[in-house]
N, C-alpha and C. Protein backbone atom coordinates (compact mmCIF):
# COMPACT_ATOMS: atom_id res chain seq x y z
N MET A 1 131.36 39.99 105.33
CA MET A 1 130.89 39.52 106.63
C MET A 1 130.88 40.70 107.61
N GLU A 2 129.79 40.87 108.32
CA GLU A 2 129.70 41.96 109.28
C GLU A 2 130.52 41.63 110.53
N GLU A 3 130.96 42.66 111.19
CA GLU A 3 131.78 42.48 112.38
C GLU A 3 130.88 42.21 113.59
N TYR A 4 131.25 41.22 114.38
CA TYR A 4 130.49 40.84 115.57
C TYR A 4 131.21 41.39 116.79
N LEU A 5 130.56 42.28 117.55
CA LEU A 5 131.18 42.92 118.71
C LEU A 5 130.37 42.66 119.97
N ASN A 6 131.06 42.59 121.09
CA ASN A 6 130.43 42.48 122.41
C ASN A 6 130.72 43.73 123.22
N MET A 7 129.86 43.99 124.18
CA MET A 7 130.06 45.12 125.09
C MET A 7 130.09 44.57 126.51
N VAL A 8 131.03 45.08 127.32
CA VAL A 8 131.11 44.68 128.71
C VAL A 8 131.31 45.94 129.55
N SER A 9 130.72 45.95 130.75
CA SER A 9 130.85 47.07 131.67
C SER A 9 131.34 46.55 133.01
N TYR A 10 132.23 47.29 133.64
CA TYR A 10 132.72 46.95 134.97
C TYR A 10 132.56 48.14 135.89
N GLN A 11 132.12 47.88 137.09
CA GLN A 11 131.95 48.90 138.12
C GLN A 11 133.19 48.88 139.01
N SER A 12 133.73 50.04 139.31
CA SER A 12 134.89 50.16 140.18
C SER A 12 134.44 50.44 141.62
N GLU A 13 135.25 50.01 142.58
CA GLU A 13 134.95 50.30 143.98
C GLU A 13 135.14 51.78 144.29
N ILE A 14 136.04 52.43 143.56
CA ILE A 14 136.35 53.84 143.79
C ILE A 14 136.20 54.62 142.47
N VAL A 15 136.12 55.92 142.59
CA VAL A 15 136.07 56.77 141.41
C VAL A 15 137.43 56.71 140.72
N VAL A 16 137.41 56.45 139.42
CA VAL A 16 138.65 56.38 138.64
C VAL A 16 139.02 57.80 138.22
N GLU A 17 140.17 58.24 138.68
CA GLU A 17 140.64 59.60 138.37
C GLU A 17 140.93 59.72 136.87
N ALA A 18 140.88 60.93 136.36
CA ALA A 18 141.04 61.18 134.92
C ALA A 18 142.38 60.68 134.38
N ASP A 19 143.47 60.92 135.11
CA ASP A 19 144.78 60.49 134.62
C ASP A 19 144.90 58.97 134.61
N VAL A 20 144.32 58.31 135.59
CA VAL A 20 144.33 56.84 135.65
C VAL A 20 143.47 56.28 134.52
N ALA A 21 142.30 56.89 134.30
CA ALA A 21 141.41 56.46 133.22
C ALA A 21 142.09 56.60 131.87
N LYS A 22 142.80 57.70 131.67
CA LYS A 22 143.50 57.92 130.41
C LYS A 22 144.57 56.84 130.19
N LYS A 23 145.31 56.52 131.24
CA LYS A 23 146.35 55.48 131.16
C LYS A 23 145.73 54.12 130.84
N LEU A 24 144.67 53.75 131.57
CA LEU A 24 144.00 52.48 131.34
C LEU A 24 143.41 52.40 129.93
N LYS A 25 142.82 53.50 129.48
CA LYS A 25 142.22 53.53 128.15
C LYS A 25 143.26 53.30 127.08
N SER A 26 144.42 53.96 127.20
CA SER A 26 145.46 53.79 126.18
C SER A 26 146.01 52.37 126.19
N LEU A 27 146.13 51.75 127.37
CA LEU A 27 146.60 50.37 127.44
C LEU A 27 145.59 49.40 126.84
N LEU A 28 144.32 49.62 127.11
CA LEU A 28 143.28 48.73 126.59
C LEU A 28 143.13 48.86 125.07
N VAL A 29 143.12 50.07 124.56
CA VAL A 29 142.95 50.29 123.13
C VAL A 29 144.11 49.68 122.34
N ALA A 30 145.28 49.57 122.97
CA ALA A 30 146.44 48.98 122.31
C ALA A 30 146.30 47.46 122.14
N LEU A 31 145.39 46.84 122.90
CA LEU A 31 145.19 45.39 122.80
C LEU A 31 144.40 45.06 121.54
N ALA A 32 144.81 44.00 120.86
CA ALA A 32 144.09 43.55 119.66
C ALA A 32 142.68 43.13 120.04
N GLY A 33 141.71 43.64 119.34
CA GLY A 33 140.32 43.26 119.57
C GLY A 33 139.51 44.29 120.33
N ILE A 34 140.16 45.23 121.00
CA ILE A 34 139.44 46.29 121.71
C ILE A 34 139.08 47.37 120.70
N VAL A 35 137.79 47.68 120.61
CA VAL A 35 137.31 48.64 119.63
C VAL A 35 137.08 50.01 120.26
N TRP A 36 136.53 50.02 121.48
CA TRP A 36 136.11 51.28 122.11
C TRP A 36 136.16 51.13 123.61
N VAL A 37 136.63 52.18 124.32
CA VAL A 37 136.69 52.19 125.78
C VAL A 37 136.17 53.53 126.27
N ASN A 38 135.33 53.50 127.32
CA ASN A 38 134.82 54.73 127.90
C ASN A 38 134.84 54.61 129.43
N PHE A 39 135.39 55.61 130.09
CA PHE A 39 135.39 55.68 131.55
C PHE A 39 134.48 56.80 131.98
N SER A 40 133.68 56.54 133.03
CA SER A 40 132.87 57.59 133.64
C SER A 40 132.76 57.30 135.13
N LYS A 41 133.46 58.08 135.91
CA LYS A 41 133.53 57.97 137.37
C LYS A 41 133.86 56.56 137.83
N LYS A 42 132.86 55.74 138.16
CA LYS A 42 133.11 54.40 138.67
C LYS A 42 132.82 53.30 137.64
N LEU A 43 132.62 53.66 136.40
CA LEU A 43 132.22 52.69 135.39
C LEU A 43 133.18 52.72 134.20
N VAL A 44 133.54 51.53 133.72
CA VAL A 44 134.29 51.42 132.47
C VAL A 44 133.47 50.54 131.53
N GLU A 45 133.29 51.04 130.31
CA GLU A 45 132.56 50.29 129.27
C GLU A 45 133.54 49.99 128.15
N ILE A 46 133.50 48.74 127.69
CA ILE A 46 134.45 48.30 126.67
C ILE A 46 133.71 47.54 125.58
N GLU A 47 133.94 47.94 124.34
CA GLU A 47 133.40 47.22 123.20
C GLU A 47 134.57 46.46 122.58
N TYR A 48 134.36 45.16 122.32
CA TYR A 48 135.46 44.33 121.85
C TYR A 48 134.98 43.25 120.89
N ASN A 49 135.93 42.73 120.12
CA ASN A 49 135.66 41.64 119.20
C ASN A 49 136.02 40.33 119.91
N PRO A 50 135.03 39.49 120.23
CA PRO A 50 135.30 38.27 120.98
C PRO A 50 136.11 37.22 120.20
N TYR A 51 136.26 37.43 118.90
CA TYR A 51 137.09 36.52 118.11
C TYR A 51 138.57 36.85 118.28
N GLU A 52 138.87 38.05 118.77
CA GLU A 52 140.26 38.48 118.93
C GLU A 52 140.71 38.51 120.39
N ILE A 53 139.78 38.79 121.32
CA ILE A 53 140.14 38.91 122.73
C ILE A 53 138.95 38.45 123.58
N SER A 54 139.24 37.80 124.69
CA SER A 54 138.17 37.32 125.56
C SER A 54 137.88 38.32 126.68
N GLU A 55 136.70 38.20 127.24
CA GLU A 55 136.33 39.07 128.37
C GLU A 55 137.27 38.82 129.55
N GLU A 56 137.68 37.57 129.74
CA GLU A 56 138.60 37.23 130.83
C GLU A 56 139.94 37.94 130.66
N THR A 57 140.43 38.01 129.43
CA THR A 57 141.70 38.70 129.16
C THR A 57 141.57 40.19 129.46
N ILE A 58 140.45 40.77 129.10
CA ILE A 58 140.21 42.19 129.38
C ILE A 58 140.24 42.42 130.88
N LYS A 59 139.52 41.58 131.61
CA LYS A 59 139.44 41.72 133.06
C LYS A 59 140.82 41.53 133.71
N GLU A 60 141.59 40.57 133.21
CA GLU A 60 142.95 40.35 133.73
C GLU A 60 143.82 41.57 133.51
N ASN A 61 143.74 42.18 132.32
CA ASN A 61 144.53 43.37 132.02
C ASN A 61 144.14 44.53 132.92
N LEU A 62 142.86 44.70 133.17
CA LEU A 62 142.42 45.76 134.09
C LEU A 62 142.95 45.50 135.50
N SER A 63 142.87 44.26 135.95
CA SER A 63 143.35 43.91 137.29
C SER A 63 144.84 44.16 137.43
N GLU A 64 145.61 43.78 136.41
CA GLU A 64 147.06 43.98 136.43
C GLU A 64 147.43 45.45 136.55
N GLN A 65 146.57 46.32 136.06
CA GLN A 65 146.83 47.76 136.11
C GLN A 65 146.24 48.41 137.36
N GLY A 66 145.70 47.60 138.27
CA GLY A 66 145.23 48.12 139.54
C GLY A 66 143.76 48.51 139.59
N PHE A 67 142.99 48.17 138.58
CA PHE A 67 141.56 48.48 138.60
C PHE A 67 140.90 47.60 139.65
N SER A 68 140.18 48.23 140.59
CA SER A 68 139.52 47.46 141.66
C SER A 68 138.04 47.30 141.33
N PHE A 69 137.65 46.06 141.09
CA PHE A 69 136.28 45.76 140.70
C PHE A 69 135.35 45.80 141.91
N SER A 70 134.16 46.34 141.69
CA SER A 70 133.13 46.35 142.72
C SER A 70 132.48 44.98 142.74
N HIS A 71 132.27 44.44 143.92
CA HIS A 71 131.65 43.12 144.06
C HIS A 71 130.19 43.31 144.45
N GLN A 72 129.35 43.41 143.44
CA GLN A 72 127.93 43.60 143.69
C GLN A 72 127.24 42.25 143.72
N LYS A 73 126.35 42.09 144.66
CA LYS A 73 125.58 40.85 144.73
C LYS A 73 124.60 40.82 143.57
N LYS A 74 124.58 39.70 142.87
CA LYS A 74 123.72 39.58 141.71
C LYS A 74 122.39 38.95 142.11
N GLY A 75 121.36 39.37 141.43
CA GLY A 75 120.03 38.84 141.69
C GLY A 75 119.84 37.48 141.03
N ILE A 76 118.71 36.88 141.30
CA ILE A 76 118.39 35.55 140.77
C ILE A 76 118.38 35.57 139.24
N PHE A 77 117.73 36.57 138.67
CA PHE A 77 117.63 36.65 137.21
C PHE A 77 119.00 36.84 136.58
N SER A 78 119.81 37.72 137.15
CA SER A 78 121.15 37.97 136.63
C SER A 78 122.00 36.70 136.70
N GLY A 79 121.91 35.97 137.80
CA GLY A 79 122.65 34.72 137.94
C GLY A 79 122.22 33.70 136.91
N TRP A 80 120.91 33.62 136.66
CA TRP A 80 120.38 32.69 135.68
C TRP A 80 120.88 33.04 134.27
N ILE A 81 120.87 34.32 133.95
CA ILE A 81 121.36 34.77 132.64
C ILE A 81 122.84 34.41 132.47
N ASN A 82 123.63 34.64 133.53
CA ASN A 82 125.06 34.33 133.45
C ASN A 82 125.30 32.83 133.26
N ARG A 83 124.52 32.00 133.97
CA ARG A 83 124.66 30.54 133.80
C ARG A 83 124.26 30.12 132.39
N LEU A 84 123.21 30.74 131.86
CA LEU A 84 122.76 30.46 130.50
C LEU A 84 123.85 30.85 129.49
N ALA A 85 124.46 31.99 129.70
CA ALA A 85 125.53 32.45 128.80
C ALA A 85 126.72 31.50 128.83
N LYS A 86 127.11 31.06 130.02
CA LYS A 86 128.22 30.12 130.14
C LYS A 86 127.89 28.79 129.46
N SER A 87 126.67 28.33 129.64
CA SER A 87 126.24 27.09 129.00
C SER A 87 126.26 27.22 127.48
N ASN A 88 125.76 28.33 126.96
CA ASN A 88 125.77 28.56 125.52
C ASN A 88 127.19 28.63 124.98
N LYS A 89 128.07 29.29 125.71
CA LYS A 89 129.46 29.40 125.27
C LYS A 89 130.12 28.03 125.26
N ALA A 90 129.82 27.20 126.28
CA ALA A 90 130.40 25.86 126.33
C ALA A 90 129.88 25.01 125.17
N ASN A 91 128.61 25.16 124.82
CA ASN A 91 128.02 24.36 123.76
C ASN A 91 128.30 24.89 122.36
N LEU A 92 128.33 26.22 122.22
CA LEU A 92 128.45 26.82 120.90
C LEU A 92 129.80 27.48 120.63
N GLY A 93 130.56 27.74 121.68
CA GLY A 93 131.81 28.47 121.52
C GLY A 93 131.53 29.92 121.18
N ASN A 94 132.44 30.55 120.46
CA ASN A 94 132.28 31.95 120.06
C ASN A 94 131.68 32.08 118.67
N LYS A 95 131.18 30.97 118.13
CA LYS A 95 130.61 31.00 116.79
C LYS A 95 129.22 31.59 116.79
N ARG A 96 128.86 32.17 115.67
CA ARG A 96 127.50 32.65 115.49
C ARG A 96 126.60 31.46 115.20
N LEU A 97 125.35 31.59 115.50
CA LEU A 97 124.38 30.54 115.18
C LEU A 97 124.26 30.41 113.66
N ASP A 98 123.97 29.20 113.20
CA ASP A 98 123.83 28.98 111.76
C ASP A 98 122.75 29.86 111.16
N CYS A 99 121.68 30.08 111.91
CA CYS A 99 120.57 30.88 111.38
C CYS A 99 121.00 32.33 111.14
N CYS A 100 122.02 32.81 111.82
CA CYS A 100 122.50 34.18 111.63
C CYS A 100 123.27 34.33 110.32
N ASP A 101 123.78 33.22 109.81
CA ASP A 101 124.56 33.26 108.58
C ASP A 101 123.75 32.95 107.32
N MET A 102 122.49 32.59 107.52
CA MET A 102 121.64 32.24 106.38
C MET A 102 121.18 33.49 105.66
N ASN A 103 121.11 33.39 104.37
CA ASN A 103 120.57 34.51 103.57
C ASN A 103 119.07 34.31 103.43
N HIS A 104 118.34 35.36 103.67
CA HIS A 104 116.88 35.26 103.58
C HIS A 104 116.40 35.60 102.21
């Protein structure tokens, strides 16, 4: 079975200094399910396995360590996509669609 991974990015209100980024990266990588973490100035990108850790848990861990999230106003399309994603998650959970598991 192939591994199913998600990617999430968070924007910081301030530039994340190198020593803080290194500390946050080591804490995140130690969590089960985190595959890859990258910091660049005001952005953190995280690749994770949603079967092992949720996006909410990742965000909570960042908040506990003092990461300040940027509050950007989302556009109509972005809001619609987020509502669609929440609806799909509520209906399907974290499972893959049946068609993804079929052999062709």
